[in-house]
Amino acid sequence: MRFLETITALFLVAFLLLGCHRQNAATGKADTTAQAAEKLEPTPYSKEFESGPLKIRLALDRTHLRLDEVIQLELEVWAPEEYSVELPKLESGLEQFRWEPVSLSTPELQDGGLLHYSRKILLEPLLIVDKTAVRPMEVKFAAADKAGGETKHYALSTDEVEITVEMPPEEYWNNLTVDTALSEKPVEQLERKVRWWPCAVAGGLLLVVLLVIVLLRRRRVKAVELPPPIPPQDIALEELRRLVEAHLVEQGDFMGFYNAIQGILRRYIEARFDIHAPERTTEEFLDELRGSRSPIGKHQKLLERFLTHCDLVRFAKHTPEKQEIQATFDACKQFIIENQ
């Protein structure tokens, strides 16, 4: 079917060129204008949002694109070690796009005691030729009151970012010209000698324009070769490996170690079982396991010991023994391996 359309288009273009030989200069100018219009400025976007020690940044490599192009989105978060962080769901704010994660990095400890979180996602616009948008994304934080009070919750949200998706611009169609000189002949002269080819040229031109519109509408978005999603257990085990390489225990940073390891387990539970553990306190999370048919209910006692011990170090300033640290690490790794 596409072959027949191509042959038809070539025939009509050849016929059009034969009938419009007097307009070569104007046509060349229109082609040049159309080709120049195809080059779009990417217009990248980057904005930071802060509240106290908490900061997030949203970046897009382009906000103006064609249907056959893609956008790379990056969301970064910085928070002190004593804060637990809940990133938005991958699909949050991306309802107008097909999306695929490219990079889901593990938290990295930076200078000043800040943990850095980062994720990168490729976005393909849906077949909508108009304005669309990346909706606001909300990052949630939680930290225990240093005076021993209740856990305090915070949130930072990004702005809505308008995205422009285009088909060929209006200039492309405006610069298509039709030779109307012959149609301005007096009626008497037309009656004596009827010229059929101006009508054929006009009809051929109309068919070419319609054919171009049809072909452009049927053009599929270029396939983007994306890596397969990383299994949750692989992400969690890689985070454990990096945690060991950070040597936080050897440096005496017990709070940093326990913040990181409980975060690893909570994120794994969310990704593997769709249980939103990061946004709950330890008591709320354990209460849910006791009163439901959760797939991880059989591990309730293991998780209770693990999370309670982490809270003792994080909030009660308990100094763990070497055996306790090793047991905590082994419990986390055992849970991940047994539930992959």
C-alpha atoms as a PDB file:
ATOM      1  CA  MET A   1       0.000   0.000   0.000  1.00  0.00           C
ATOM      2  CA  ARG A   2       2.803   2.419   0.861  1.00  0.00           C
ATOM      3  CA  PHE A   3       4.549   1.511  -2.429  1.00  0.00           C
ATOM      4  CA  LEU A   4       1.448   2.514  -4.451  1.00  0.00           C
ATOM      5  CA  GLU A   5       1.183   5.764  -2.531  1.00  0.00           C
ATOM      6  CA  THR A   6       4.834   6.555  -3.234  1.00  0.00           C
ATOM      7  CA  ILE A   7       4.443   5.854  -6.974  1.00  0.00           C
ATOM      8  CA  THR A   8       1.315   8.033  -7.090  1.00  0.00           C
ATOM      9  CA  ALA A   9       3.107  10.847  -5.289  1.00  0.00           C
ATOM     10  CA  LEU A  10       6.072  10.701  -7.699  1.00  0.00           C
ATOM     11  CA  PHE A  11       3.758  10.760 -10.730  1.00  0.00           C
ATOM     12  CA  LEU A  12       1.809  13.730  -9.437  1.00  0.00           C
ATOM     13  CA  VAL A  13       4.962  15.651  -8.499  1.00  0.00           C
ATOM     14  CA  ALA A  14       6.433  15.076 -11.981  1.00  0.00           C
ATOM     15  CA  PHE A  15       3.181  16.233 -13.572  1.00  0.00           C
ATOM     16  CA  LEU A  16       3.087  19.267 -11.310  1.00  0.00           C
ATOM     17  CA  LEU A  17       6.648  20.256 -12.190  1.00  0.00           C
ATOM     18  CA  LEU A  18       5.825  19.971 -15.913  1.00  0.00           C
ATOM     19  CA  GLY A  19       2.832  22.302 -15.597  1.00  0.00           C
ATOM     20  CA  CYS A  20       4.463  24.797 -13.220  1.00  0.00           C
ATOM     21  CA  HIS A  21       7.814  25.329 -14.966  1.00  0.00           C
ATOM     22  CA  ARG A  22       7.312  29.107 -14.809  1.00  0.00           C
ATOM     23  CA  GLN A  23       7.297  29.027 -11.011  1.00  0.00           C
ATOM     24  CA  ASN A  24      10.651  27.300 -10.389  1.00  0.00           C
ATOM     25  CA  ALA A  25      12.127  30.237  -8.508  1.00  0.00           C
ATOM     26  CA  ALA A  26       9.135  30.614  -6.208  1.00  0.00           C
ATOM     27  CA  THR A  27       8.978  26.878  -5.575  1.00  0.00           C
ATOM     28  CA  GLY A  28      12.690  26.746  -4.709  1.00  0.00           C
ATOM     29  CA  LYS A  29      12.169  29.544  -2.218  1.00  0.00           C
ATOM     30  CA  ALA A  30       9.243  27.709  -0.616  1.00  0.00           C
ATOM     31  CA  ASP A  31      11.283  24.501  -0.313  1.00  0.00           C
ATOM     32  CA  THR A  32      14.126  26.378   1.353  1.00  0.00           C
ATOM     33  CA  THR A  33      11.731  28.015   3.806  1.00  0.00           C
ATOM     34  CA  ALA A  34      10.106  24.683   4.645  1.00  0.00           C
ATOM     35  CA  GLN A  35      13.469  22.992   5.245  1.00  0.00           C
ATOM     36  CA  ALA A  36      14.588  25.811   7.516  1.00  0.00           C
ATOM     37  CA  ALA A  37      11.320  25.569   9.449  1.00  0.00           C
ATOM     38  CA  GLU A  38      12.000  21.885  10.170  1.00  0.00           C
ATOM     39  CA  LYS A  39      14.838  22.828  12.520  1.00  0.00           C
ATOM     40  CA  LEU A  40      13.354  23.387  15.966  1.00  0.00           C
ATOM     41  CA  GLU A  41      15.149  24.879  18.914  1.00  0.00           C
ATOM     42  CA  PRO A  42      15.159  22.285  21.747  1.00  0.00           C
ATOM     43  CA  THR A  43      14.433  24.934  24.454  1.00  0.00           C
ATOM     44  CA  PRO A  44      15.609  22.963  27.506  1.00  0.00           C
ATOM     45  CA  TYR A  45      14.062  23.463  30.963  1.00  0.00           C
ATOM     46  CA  SER A  46      15.653  23.338  34.429  1.00  0.00           C
ATOM     47  CA  LYS A  47      14.302  24.613  37.744  1.00  0.00           C
ATOM     48  CA  GLU A  48      15.107  24.037  41.429  1.00  0.00           C
ATOM     49  CA  PHE A  49      12.688  24.068  44.376  1.00  0.00           C
ATOM     50  CA  GLU A  50      13.925  24.441  47.965  1.00  0.00           C
ATOM     51  CA  SER A  51      12.587  24.443  51.493  1.00  0.00           C
ATOM     52  CA  GLY A  52      15.125  24.593  54.309  1.00  0.00           C
ATOM     53  CA  PRO A  53      17.679  21.795  53.820  1.00  0.00           C
ATOM     54  CA  LEU A  54      15.459  20.055  51.244  1.00  0.00           C
ATOM     55  CA  LYS A  55      15.909  20.640  47.508  1.00  0.00           C
ATOM     56  CA  ILE A  56      14.640  19.116  44.255  1.00  0.00           C
ATOM     57  CA  ARG A  57      15.435  19.878  40.600  1.00  0.00           C
ATOM     58  CA  LEU A  58      13.460  19.045  37.447  1.00  0.00           C
ATOM     59  CA  ALA A  59      15.258  19.186  34.068  1.00  0.00           C
ATOM     60  CA  LEU A  60      14.041  18.493  30.513  1.00  0.00           C
ATOM     61  CA  ASP A  61      16.432  18.492  27.561  1.00  0.00           C
ATOM     62  CA  ARG A  62      13.710  19.999  25.336  1.00  0.00           C
ATOM     63  CA  THR A  63      10.184  21.452  25.591  1.00  0.00           C
ATOM     64  CA  HIS A  64       9.598  22.011  21.851  1.00  0.00           C
ATOM     65  CA  LEU A  65       9.661  18.954  19.604  1.00  0.00           C
ATOM     66  CA  ARG A  66       8.155  16.992  16.742  1.00  0.00           C
ATOM     67  CA  LEU A  67       6.177  13.771  17.027  1.00  0.00           C
ATOM     68  CA  ASP A  68       9.227  11.687  16.073  1.00  0.00           C
ATOM     69  CA  GLU A  69      11.453  13.105  18.836  1.00  0.00           C
ATOM     70  CA  VAL A  70      11.803  12.207  22.527  1.00  0.00           C
ATOM     71  CA  ILE A  71      12.399  14.120  25.758  1.00  0.00           C
ATOM     72  CA  GLN A  72      14.848  13.142  28.495  1.00  0.00           C
ATOM     73  CA  LEU A  73      13.522  14.044  31.953  1.00  0.00           C
ATOM     74  CA  GLU A  74      15.732  14.104  35.054  1.00  0.00           C
ATOM     75  CA  LEU A  75      14.484  14.482  38.637  1.00  0.00           C
ATOM     76  CA  GLU A  76      17.062  15.082  41.389  1.00  0.00           C
ATOM     77  CA  VAL A  77      16.546  15.285  45.176  1.00  0.00           C
ATOM     78  CA  TRP A  78      18.859  16.382  47.994  1.00  0.00           C
ATOM     79  CA  ALA A  79      18.011  15.751  51.684  1.00  0.00           C
ATOM     80  CA  PRO A  80      19.896  15.306  54.980  1.00  0.00           C
ATOM     81  CA  GLU A  81      20.601  11.757  56.131  1.00  0.00           C
ATOM     82  CA  GLU A  82      18.012  11.859  58.910  1.00  0.00           C
ATOM     83  CA  TYR A  83      15.197  12.415  56.383  1.00  0.00           C
ATOM     84  CA  SER A  84      13.426   9.560  54.624  1.00  0.00           C
ATOM     85  CA  VAL A  85      12.536  10.399  51.013  1.00  0.00           C
ATOM     86  CA  GLU A  86       9.622   9.180  48.908  1.00  0.00           C
ATOM     87  CA  LEU A  87      10.013   9.896  45.196  1.00  0.00           C
ATOM     88  CA  PRO A  88       6.831  10.174  43.083  1.00  0.00           C
ATOM     89  CA  LYS A  89       5.628   7.127  41.185  1.00  0.00           C
ATOM     90  CA  LEU A  90       7.294   6.763  37.801  1.00  0.00           C
ATOM     91  CA  GLU A  91       4.071   7.542  35.936  1.00  0.00           C
ATOM     92  CA  SER A  92       3.236  10.558  38.103  1.00  0.00           C
ATOM     93  CA  GLY A  93       2.850  13.698  35.979  1.00  0.00           C
ATOM     94  CA  LEU A  94       3.515  11.819  32.728  1.00  0.00           C
ATOM     95  CA  GLU A  95      -0.051  10.949  31.685  1.00  0.00           C
ATOM     96  CA  GLN A  96       0.394  12.615  28.266  1.00  0.00           C
ATOM     97  CA  PHE A  97       3.453  10.526  27.329  1.00  0.00           C
ATOM     98  CA  ARG A  98       4.732   7.023  26.809  1.00  0.00           C
ATOM     99  CA  TRP A  99       7.632   6.707  29.241  1.00  0.00           C
ATOM    100  CA  GLU A 100      10.501   4.378  30.064  1.00  0.00           C
ATOM    101  CA  PRO A 101      13.057   4.716  32.893  1.00  0.00           C
ATOM    102  CA  VAL A 102      16.658   5.019  31.750  1.00  0.00           C
ATOM    103  CA  SER A 103      18.445   5.458  35.066  1.00  0.00           C
ATOM    104  CA  LEU A 104      17.270   4.883  38.656  1.00  0.00           C
ATOM    105  CA  SER A 105      20.375   5.621  40.681  1.00  0.00           C
ATOM    106  CA  THR A 106      20.817   4.669  44.327  1.00  0.00           C
ATOM    107  CA  PRO A 107      21.150   7.456  46.928  1.00  0.00           C
ATOM    108  CA  GLU A 108      24.687   8.816  47.166  1.00  0.00           C
ATOM    109  CA  LEU A 109      26.102  10.588  50.210  1.00  0.00           C
ATOM    110  CA  GLN A 110      27.545  13.974  49.250  1.00  0.00           C
ATOM    111  CA  ASP A 111      29.472  16.662  51.083  1.00  0.00           C
ATOM    112  CA  GLY A 112      27.578  18.240  53.940  1.00  0.00           C
ATOM    113  CA  GLY A 113      25.792  15.013  54.882  1.00  0.00           C
ATOM    114  CA  LEU A 114      23.215  15.269  52.077  1.00  0.00           C
ATOM    115  CA  LEU A 115      21.863  12.201  50.302  1.00  0.00           C
ATOM    116  CA  HIS A 116      21.421  12.669  46.532  1.00  0.00           C
ATOM    117  CA  TYR A 117      18.638  10.832  44.666  1.00  0.00           C
ATOM    118  CA  SER A 118      18.317  10.856  40.869  1.00  0.00           C
ATOM    119  CA  ARG A 119      16.170   9.307  38.137  1.00  0.00           C
ATOM    120  CA  LYS A 120      16.122   9.748  34.347  1.00  0.00           C
ATOM    121  CA  ILE A 121      13.134   8.910  32.125  1.00  0.00           C
ATOM    122  CA  LEU A 122      12.625   9.044  28.342  1.00  0.00           C
ATOM    123  CA  LEU A 123       9.287  10.497  27.196  1.00  0.00           C
ATOM    124  CA  GLU A 124       7.589   9.947  23.836  1.00  0.00           C
ATOM    125  CA  PRO A 125       4.664  12.300  23.083  1.00  0.00           C
ATOM    126  CA  LEU A 126       1.331  10.730  22.251  1.00  0.00           C
ATOM    127  CA  LEU A 127      -0.181  11.473  18.844  1.00  0.00           C
ATOM    128  CA  ILE A 128      -1.382  14.925  19.926  1.00  0.00           C
ATOM    129  CA  VAL A 129      -0.312  17.877  17.776  1.00  0.00           C
ATOM    130  CA  ASP A 130      -0.824  20.723  20.228  1.00  0.00           C
ATOM    131  CA  LYS A 131       0.175  21.903  23.652  1.00  0.00           C
ATOM    132  CA  THR A 132       0.643  19.257  26.332  1.00  0.00           C
ATOM    133  CA  ALA A 133       2.457  19.287  29.663  1.00  0.00           C
ATOM    134  CA  VAL A 134       4.534  17.449  32.237  1.00  0.00           C
ATOM    135  CA  ARG A 135       2.298  17.692  35.300  1.00  0.00           C
ATOM    136  CA  PRO A 136       3.619  18.675  38.770  1.00  0.00           C
ATOM    137  CA  MET A 137       5.563  15.975  40.646  1.00  0.00           C
ATOM    138  CA  GLU A 138       5.563  15.778  44.446  1.00  0.00           C
ATOM    139  CA  VAL A 139       8.474  14.511  46.549  1.00  0.00           C
ATOM    140  CA  LYS A 140       7.650  13.648  50.178  1.00  0.00           C
ATOM    141  CA  PHE A 141      10.014  13.790  53.153  1.00  0.00           C
ATOM    142  CA  ALA A 142       9.721  12.577  56.746  1.00  0.00           C
ATOM    143  CA  ALA A 143      11.928  13.198  59.791  1.00  0.00           C
ATOM    144  CA  ALA A 144      11.555  12.426  63.483  1.00  0.00           C
ATOM    145  CA  ASP A 145      11.409  15.366  65.862  1.00  0.00           C
ATOM    146  CA  LYS A 146      14.786  15.705  67.601  1.00  0.00           C
ATOM    147  CA  ALA A 147      12.941  16.355  70.862  1.00  0.00           C
ATOM    148  CA  GLY A 148      11.394  12.897  70.628  1.00  0.00           C
ATOM    149  CA  GLY A 149       8.019  14.002  69.293  1.00  0.00           C
ATOM    150  CA  GLU A 150       6.017  12.698  66.355  1.00  0.00           C
ATOM    151  CA  THR A 151       7.451  12.295  62.885  1.00  0.00           C
ATOM    152  CA  LYS A 152       7.145  15.457  60.803  1.00  0.00           C
ATOM    153  CA  HIS A 153       6.197  15.290  57.133  1.00  0.00           C
ATOM    154  CA  TYR A 154       7.175  17.693  54.359  1.00  0.00           C
ATOM    155  CA  ALA A 155       6.651  17.893  50.597  1.00  0.00           C
ATOM    156  CA  LEU A 156       8.120  19.751  47.628  1.00  0.00           C
ATOM    157  CA  SER A 157       6.410  19.941  44.231  1.00  0.00           C
ATOM    158  CA  THR A 158       7.644  20.907  40.772  1.00  0.00           C
ATOM    159  CA  ASP A 159       5.797  23.282  38.462  1.00  0.00           C
ATOM    160  CA  GLU A 160       3.790  22.203  35.446  1.00  0.00           C
ATOM    161  CA  VAL A 161       5.970  22.396  32.330  1.00  0.00           C
ATOM    162  CA  GLU A 162       4.267  23.145  29.007  1.00  0.00           C
ATOM    163  CA  ILE A 163       5.409  21.011  26.054  1.00  0.00           C
ATOM    164  CA  THR A 164       4.830  21.949  22.401  1.00  0.00           C
ATOM    165  CA  VAL A 165       4.458  19.079  19.904  1.00  0.00           C
ATOM    166  CA  GLU A 166       4.336  20.059  16.228  1.00  0.00           C
ATOM    167  CA  MET A 167       3.545  18.876  12.723  1.00  0.00           C
ATOM    168  CA  PRO A 168       5.073  20.852   9.798  1.00  0.00           C
ATOM    169  CA  PRO A 169       4.524  24.604  10.379  1.00  0.00           C
ATOM    170  CA  GLU A 170       1.976  26.757   8.594  1.00  0.00           C
ATOM    171  CA  GLU A 171       4.678  28.331   6.404  1.00  0.00           C
ATOM    172  CA  TYR A 172       5.094  24.997   4.638  1.00  0.00           C
ATOM    173  CA  TRP A 173       1.546  25.157   3.283  1.00  0.00           C
ATOM    174  CA  ASN A 174       1.460  28.925   2.694  1.00  0.00           C
ATOM    175  CA  ASN A 175       4.449  28.757   0.317  1.00  0.00           C
ATOM    176  CA  LEU A 176       2.838  26.215  -2.005  1.00  0.00           C
ATOM    177  CA  THR A 177       1.804  28.261  -5.078  1.00  0.00           C
ATOM    178  CA  VAL A 178      -0.593  27.638  -7.941  1.00  0.00           C
ATOM    179  CA  ASP A 179      -0.174  29.270 -11.378  1.00  0.00           C
ATOM    180  CA  THR A 180      -3.403  31.262 -11.718  1.00  0.00           C
ATOM    181  CA  ALA A 181      -2.291  33.396 -14.684  1.00  0.00           C
ATOM    182  CA  LEU A 182      -4.109  31.267 -17.280  1.00  0.00           C
ATOM    183  CA  SER A 183      -7.364  31.450 -15.349  1.00  0.00           C
ATOM    184  CA  GLU A 184      -7.343  35.247 -15.799  1.00  0.00           C
ATOM    185  CA  LYS A 185      -7.828  35.003 -19.606  1.00  0.00           C
ATOM    186  CA  PRO A 186     -10.969  36.624 -20.985  1.00  0.00           C
ATOM    187  CA  VAL A 187     -14.006  34.386 -21.214  1.00  0.00           C
ATOM    188  CA  GLU A 188     -14.173  34.844 -24.987  1.00  0.00           C
ATOM    189  CA  GLN A 189     -10.648  33.552 -25.449  1.00  0.00           C
ATOM    190  CA  LEU A 190     -11.285  30.575 -23.154  1.00  0.00           C
ATOM    191  CA  GLU A 191     -14.343  29.700 -25.178  1.00  0.00           C
ATOM    192  CA  ARG A 192     -12.320  29.701 -28.406  1.00  0.00           C
ATOM    193  CA  LYS A 193      -9.445  27.681 -26.975  1.00  0.00           C
ATOM    194  CA  VAL A 194      -9.955  25.695 -23.785  1.00  0.00           C
ATOM    195  CA  ARG A 195      -6.725  24.898 -21.904  1.00  0.00           C
ATOM    196  CA  TRP A 196      -7.206  21.759 -19.838  1.00  0.00           C
ATOM    197  CA  TRP A 197      -3.785  21.533 -18.182  1.00  0.00           C
ATOM    198  CA  PRO A 198      -4.178  24.403 -15.635  1.00  0.00           C
ATOM    199  CA  CYS A 199      -7.097  22.512 -14.156  1.00  0.00           C
ATOM    200  CA  ALA A 200      -5.056  19.321 -14.141  1.00  0.00           C
ATOM    201  CA  VAL A 201      -2.181  21.131 -12.416  1.00  0.00           C
ATOM    202  CA  ALA A 202      -4.487  22.545  -9.764  1.00  0.00           C
ATOM    203  CA  GLY A 203      -6.087  19.139  -9.226  1.00  0.00           C
ATOM    204  CA  GLY A 204      -2.697  17.430  -9.122  1.00  0.00           C
ATOM    205  CA  LEU A 205      -1.433  19.977  -6.621  1.00  0.00           C
ATOM    206  CA  LEU A 206      -4.456  19.396  -4.411  1.00  0.00           C
ATOM    207  CA  LEU A 207      -3.903  15.631  -4.538  1.00  0.00           C
ATOM    208  CA  VAL A 208      -0.222  16.050  -3.639  1.00  0.00           C
ATOM    209  CA  VAL A 209      -1.091  18.222  -0.657  1.00  0.00           C
ATOM    210  CA  LEU A 210      -3.703  15.708   0.531  1.00  0.00           C
ATOM    211  CA  LEU A 211      -1.255  12.833   0.034  1.00  0.00           C
ATOM    212  CA  VAL A 212       1.443  14.623   2.036  1.00  0.00           C
ATOM    213  CA  ILE A 213      -1.022  15.249   4.857  1.00  0.00           C
ATOM    214  CA  VAL A 214      -2.071  11.564   4.890  1.00  0.00           C
ATOM    215  CA  LEU A 215       1.531  10.321   4.876  1.00  0.00           C
ATOM    216  CA  LEU A 216       2.548  12.680   7.662  1.00  0.00           C
ATOM    217  CA  ARG A 217      -0.395  11.637   9.800  1.00  0.00           C
ATOM    218  CA  ARG A 218       0.402   7.963   9.264  1.00  0.00           C
ATOM    219  CA  ARG A 219       4.078   8.345  10.059  1.00  0.00           C
ATOM    220  CA  ARG A 220       4.838   6.420  13.186  1.00  0.00           C
ATOM    221  CA  VAL A 221       6.956   7.743  16.026  1.00  0.00           C
ATOM    222  CA  LYS A 222      10.514   6.469  15.658  1.00  0.00           C
ATOM    223  CA  ALA A 223      11.102   3.433  17.788  1.00  0.00           C
ATOM    224  CA  VAL A 224      13.469   4.147  20.652  1.00  0.00           C
ATOM    225  CA  GLU A 225      15.606   1.241  21.763  1.00  0.00           C
ATOM    226  CA  LEU A 226      15.388   1.301  25.522  1.00  0.00           C
ATOM    227  CA  PRO A 227      16.980  -1.083  27.969  1.00  0.00           C
ATOM    228  CA  PRO A 228      14.624  -3.505  29.756  1.00  0.00           C
ATOM    229  CA  PRO A 229      13.489  -2.350  33.216  1.00  0.00           C
ATOM    230  CA  ILE A 230      15.874  -3.280  36.009  1.00  0.00           C
ATOM    231  CA  PRO A 231      14.363  -5.905  38.401  1.00  0.00           C
ATOM    232  CA  PRO A 232      13.758  -4.507  41.921  1.00  0.00           C
ATOM    233  CA  GLN A 233      15.979  -7.166  43.540  1.00  0.00           C
ATOM    234  CA  ASP A 234      18.910  -6.208  41.302  1.00  0.00           C
ATOM    235  CA  ILE A 235      18.509  -2.548  42.249  1.00  0.00           C
ATOM    236  CA  ALA A 236      18.303  -3.384  45.971  1.00  0.00           C
ATOM    237  CA  LEU A 237      21.303  -5.731  45.946  1.00  0.00           C
ATOM    238  CA  GLU A 238      23.352  -3.146  44.028  1.00  0.00           C
ATOM    239  CA  GLU A 239      22.389  -0.547  46.645  1.00  0.00           C
ATOM    240  CA  LEU A 240      23.568  -2.894  49.397  1.00  0.00           C
ATOM    241  CA  ARG A 241      26.876  -3.374  47.591  1.00  0.00           C
ATOM    242  CA  ARG A 242      27.376   0.386  47.319  1.00  0.00           C
ATOM    243  CA  LEU A 243      26.435   0.807  50.976  1.00  0.00           C
ATOM    244  CA  VAL A 244      29.229  -1.580  51.981  1.00  0.00           C
ATOM    245  CA  GLU A 245      31.690   0.262  49.725  1.00  0.00           C
ATOM    246  CA  ALA A 246      30.783   3.582  51.403  1.00  0.00           C
ATOM    247  CA  HIS A 247      32.396   2.298  54.686  1.00  0.00           C
ATOM    248  CA  LEU A 248      29.942   4.270  56.819  1.00  0.00           C
ATOM    249  CA  VAL A 249      30.281   1.832  59.746  1.00  0.00           C
ATOM    250  CA  GLU A 250      34.084   2.056  59.702  1.00  0.00           C
ATOM    251  CA  GLN A 251      33.756   5.861  59.788  1.00  0.00           C
ATOM    252  CA  GLY A 252      31.423   5.683  62.807  1.00  0.00           C
ATOM    253  CA  ASP A 253      28.463   7.065  60.815  1.00  0.00           C
ATOM    254  CA  PHE A 254      25.903   4.633  62.243  1.00  0.00           C
ATOM    255  CA  MET A 255      22.945   6.952  61.564  1.00  0.00           C
ATOM    256  CA  GLY A 256      23.938   7.249  57.905  1.00  0.00           C
ATOM    257  CA  PHE A 257      24.271   3.463  57.601  1.00  0.00           C
ATOM    258  CA  TYR A 258      20.874   2.741  59.214  1.00  0.00           C
ATOM    259  CA  ASN A 259      19.106   5.511  57.255  1.00  0.00           C
ATOM    260  CA  ALA A 260      20.454   4.031  54.048  1.00  0.00           C
ATOM    261  CA  ILE A 261      19.715   0.351  54.772  1.00  0.00           C
ATOM    262  CA  GLN A 262      16.150   0.924  55.971  1.00  0.00           C
ATOM    263  CA  GLY A 263      15.580   3.084  52.876  1.00  0.00           C
ATOM    264  CA  ILE A 264      16.858   0.273  50.637  1.00  0.00           C
ATOM    265  CA  LEU A 265      14.430  -2.232  52.161  1.00  0.00           C
ATOM    266  CA  ARG A 266      11.446   0.137  52.076  1.00  0.00           C
ATOM    267  CA  ARG A 267      12.018   1.043  48.416  1.00  0.00           C
ATOM    268  CA  TYR A 268      12.387  -2.641  47.516  1.00  0.00           C
ATOM    269  CA  ILE A 269       9.082  -3.493  49.249  1.00  0.00           C
ATOM    270  CA  GLU A 270       7.326  -0.678  47.355  1.00  0.00           C
ATOM    271  CA  ALA A 271       8.742  -1.735  43.969  1.00  0.00           C
ATOM    272  CA  ARG A 272       8.294  -5.490  44.490  1.00  0.00           C
ATOM    273  CA  PHE A 273       4.899  -5.633  46.257  1.00  0.00           C
ATOM    274  CA  ASP A 274       3.363  -2.215  45.457  1.00  0.00           C
ATOM    275  CA  ILE A 275       3.155  -1.405  49.167  1.00  0.00           C
ATOM    276  CA  HIS A 276       3.969   2.252  49.760  1.00  0.00           C
ATOM    277  CA  ALA A 277       6.275   1.670  52.705  1.00  0.00           C
ATOM    278  CA  PRO A 278       8.339   4.901  52.464  1.00  0.00           C
ATOM    279  CA  GLU A 279       5.385   7.135  53.354  1.00  0.00           C
ATOM    280  CA  ARG A 280       4.450   5.237  56.529  1.00  0.00           C
ATOM    281  CA  THR A 281       5.990   5.187  59.967  1.00  0.00           C
ATOM    282  CA  THR A 282       7.275   1.871  61.292  1.00  0.00           C
ATOM    283  CA  GLU A 283       4.174   1.449  63.477  1.00  0.00           C
ATOM    284  CA  GLU A 284       1.764   2.175  60.586  1.00  0.00           C
ATOM    285  CA  PHE A 285       3.582  -0.201  58.275  1.00  0.00           C
ATOM    286  CA  LEU A 286       3.636  -3.060  60.797  1.00  0.00           C
ATOM    287  CA  ASP A 287      -0.060  -2.505  61.670  1.00  0.00           C
ATOM    288  CA  GLU A 288      -0.924  -2.948  57.983  1.00  0.00           C
ATOM    289  CA  LEU A 289       0.942  -6.265  57.866  1.00  0.00           C
ATOM    290  CA  ARG A 290      -0.881  -7.546  60.965  1.00  0.00           C
ATOM    291  CA  GLY A 291      -4.336  -6.716  59.666  1.00  0.00           C
ATOM    292  CA  SER A 292      -4.093  -7.779  56.028  1.00  0.00           C
ATOM    293  CA  ARG A 293      -3.284 -10.677  53.758  1.00  0.00           C
ATOM    294  CA  SER A 294      -0.096  -9.047  52.608  1.00  0.00           C
ATOM    295  CA  PRO A 295       2.235 -11.269  50.526  1.00  0.00           C
ATOM    296  CA  ILE A 296       4.999 -10.400  52.976  1.00  0.00           C
ATOM    297  CA  GLY A 297       2.920 -11.052  56.091  1.00  0.00           C
ATOM    298  CA  LYS A 298       4.904 -14.233  56.789  1.00  0.00           C
ATOM    299  CA  HIS A 299       7.991 -12.052  57.255  1.00  0.00           C
ATOM    300  CA  GLN A 300       6.282  -9.834  59.818  1.00  0.00           C
ATOM    301  CA  LYS A 301       8.545 -10.760  62.735  1.00  0.00           C
ATOM    302  CA  LEU A 302      11.714 -10.353  60.665  1.00  0.00           C
ATOM    303  CA  LEU A 303      10.600  -6.935  59.417  1.00  0.00           C
ATOM    304  CA  GLU A 304       9.495  -5.856  62.892  1.00  0.00           C
ATOM    305  CA  ARG A 305      12.899  -6.671  64.402  1.00  0.00           C
ATOM    306  CA  PHE A 306      14.688  -5.025  61.487  1.00  0.00           C
ATOM    307  CA  LEU A 307      12.718  -1.746  61.450  1.00  0.00           C
ATOM    308  CA  THR A 308      12.550  -1.441  65.259  1.00  0.00           C
ATOM    309  CA  HIS A 309      16.305  -1.836  65.535  1.00  0.00           C
ATOM    310  CA  CYS A 310      16.826   0.769  62.761  1.00  0.00           C
ATOM    311  CA  ASP A 311      14.557   3.223  64.616  1.00  0.00           C
ATOM    312  CA  LEU A 312      16.527   2.729  67.848  1.00  0.00           C
ATOM    313  CA  VAL A 313      19.697   3.852  66.102  1.00  0.00           C
ATOM    314  CA  ARG A 314      18.089   6.622  64.030  1.00  0.00           C
ATOM    315  CA  PHE A 315      15.866   8.211  66.662  1.00  0.00           C
ATOM    316  CA  ALA A 316      16.950   6.954  70.106  1.00  0.00           C
ATOM    317  CA  LYS A 317      20.678   7.429  69.376  1.00  0.00           C
ATOM    318  CA  HIS A 318      21.410   3.782  70.213  1.00  0.00           C
ATOM    319  CA  THR A 319      25.009   2.791  69.423  1.00  0.00           C
ATOM    320  CA  PRO A 320      24.851  -0.676  67.804  1.00  0.00           C
ATOM    321  CA  GLU A 321      27.369  -3.453  68.381  1.00  0.00           C
ATOM    322  CA  LYS A 322      29.242  -4.965  65.459  1.00  0.00           C
ATOM    323  CA  GLN A 323      27.126  -8.137  65.697  1.00  0.00           C
ATOM    324  CA  GLU A 324      23.908  -6.093  65.559  1.00  0.00           C
ATOM    325  CA  ILE A 325      25.062  -4.248  62.440  1.00  0.00           C
ATOM    326  CA  GLN A 326      25.961  -7.507  60.687  1.00  0.00           C
ATOM    327  CA  ALA A 327      22.628  -9.081  61.693  1.00  0.00           C
ATOM    328  CA  THR A 328      20.749  -6.063  60.335  1.00  0.00           C
ATOM    329  CA  PHE A 329      22.593  -6.240  57.011  1.00  0.00           C
ATOM    330  CA  ASP A 330      22.049 -10.032  56.740  1.00  0.00           C
ATOM    331  CA  ALA A 331      18.321  -9.679  57.512  1.00  0.00           C
ATOM    332  CA  CYS A 332      17.865  -7.096  54.777  1.00  0.00           C
ATOM    333  CA  LYS A 333      19.759  -9.170  52.209  1.00  0.00           C
ATOM    334  CA  GLN A 334      17.945 -12.386  53.217  1.00  0.00           C
ATOM    335  CA  PHE A 335      14.524 -10.741  52.784  1.00  0.00           C
ATOM    336  CA  ILE A 336      15.411  -9.433  49.310  1.00  0.00           C
ATOM    337  CA  ILE A 337      16.800 -12.788  48.094  1.00  0.00           C
ATOM    338  CA  GLU A 338      13.865 -14.834  49.459  1.00  0.00           C
ATOM    339  CA  ASN A 339      11.256 -12.551  47.858  1.00  0.00           C
ATOM    340  CA  GLN A 340      12.733 -11.857  44.428  1.00  0.00           C
END
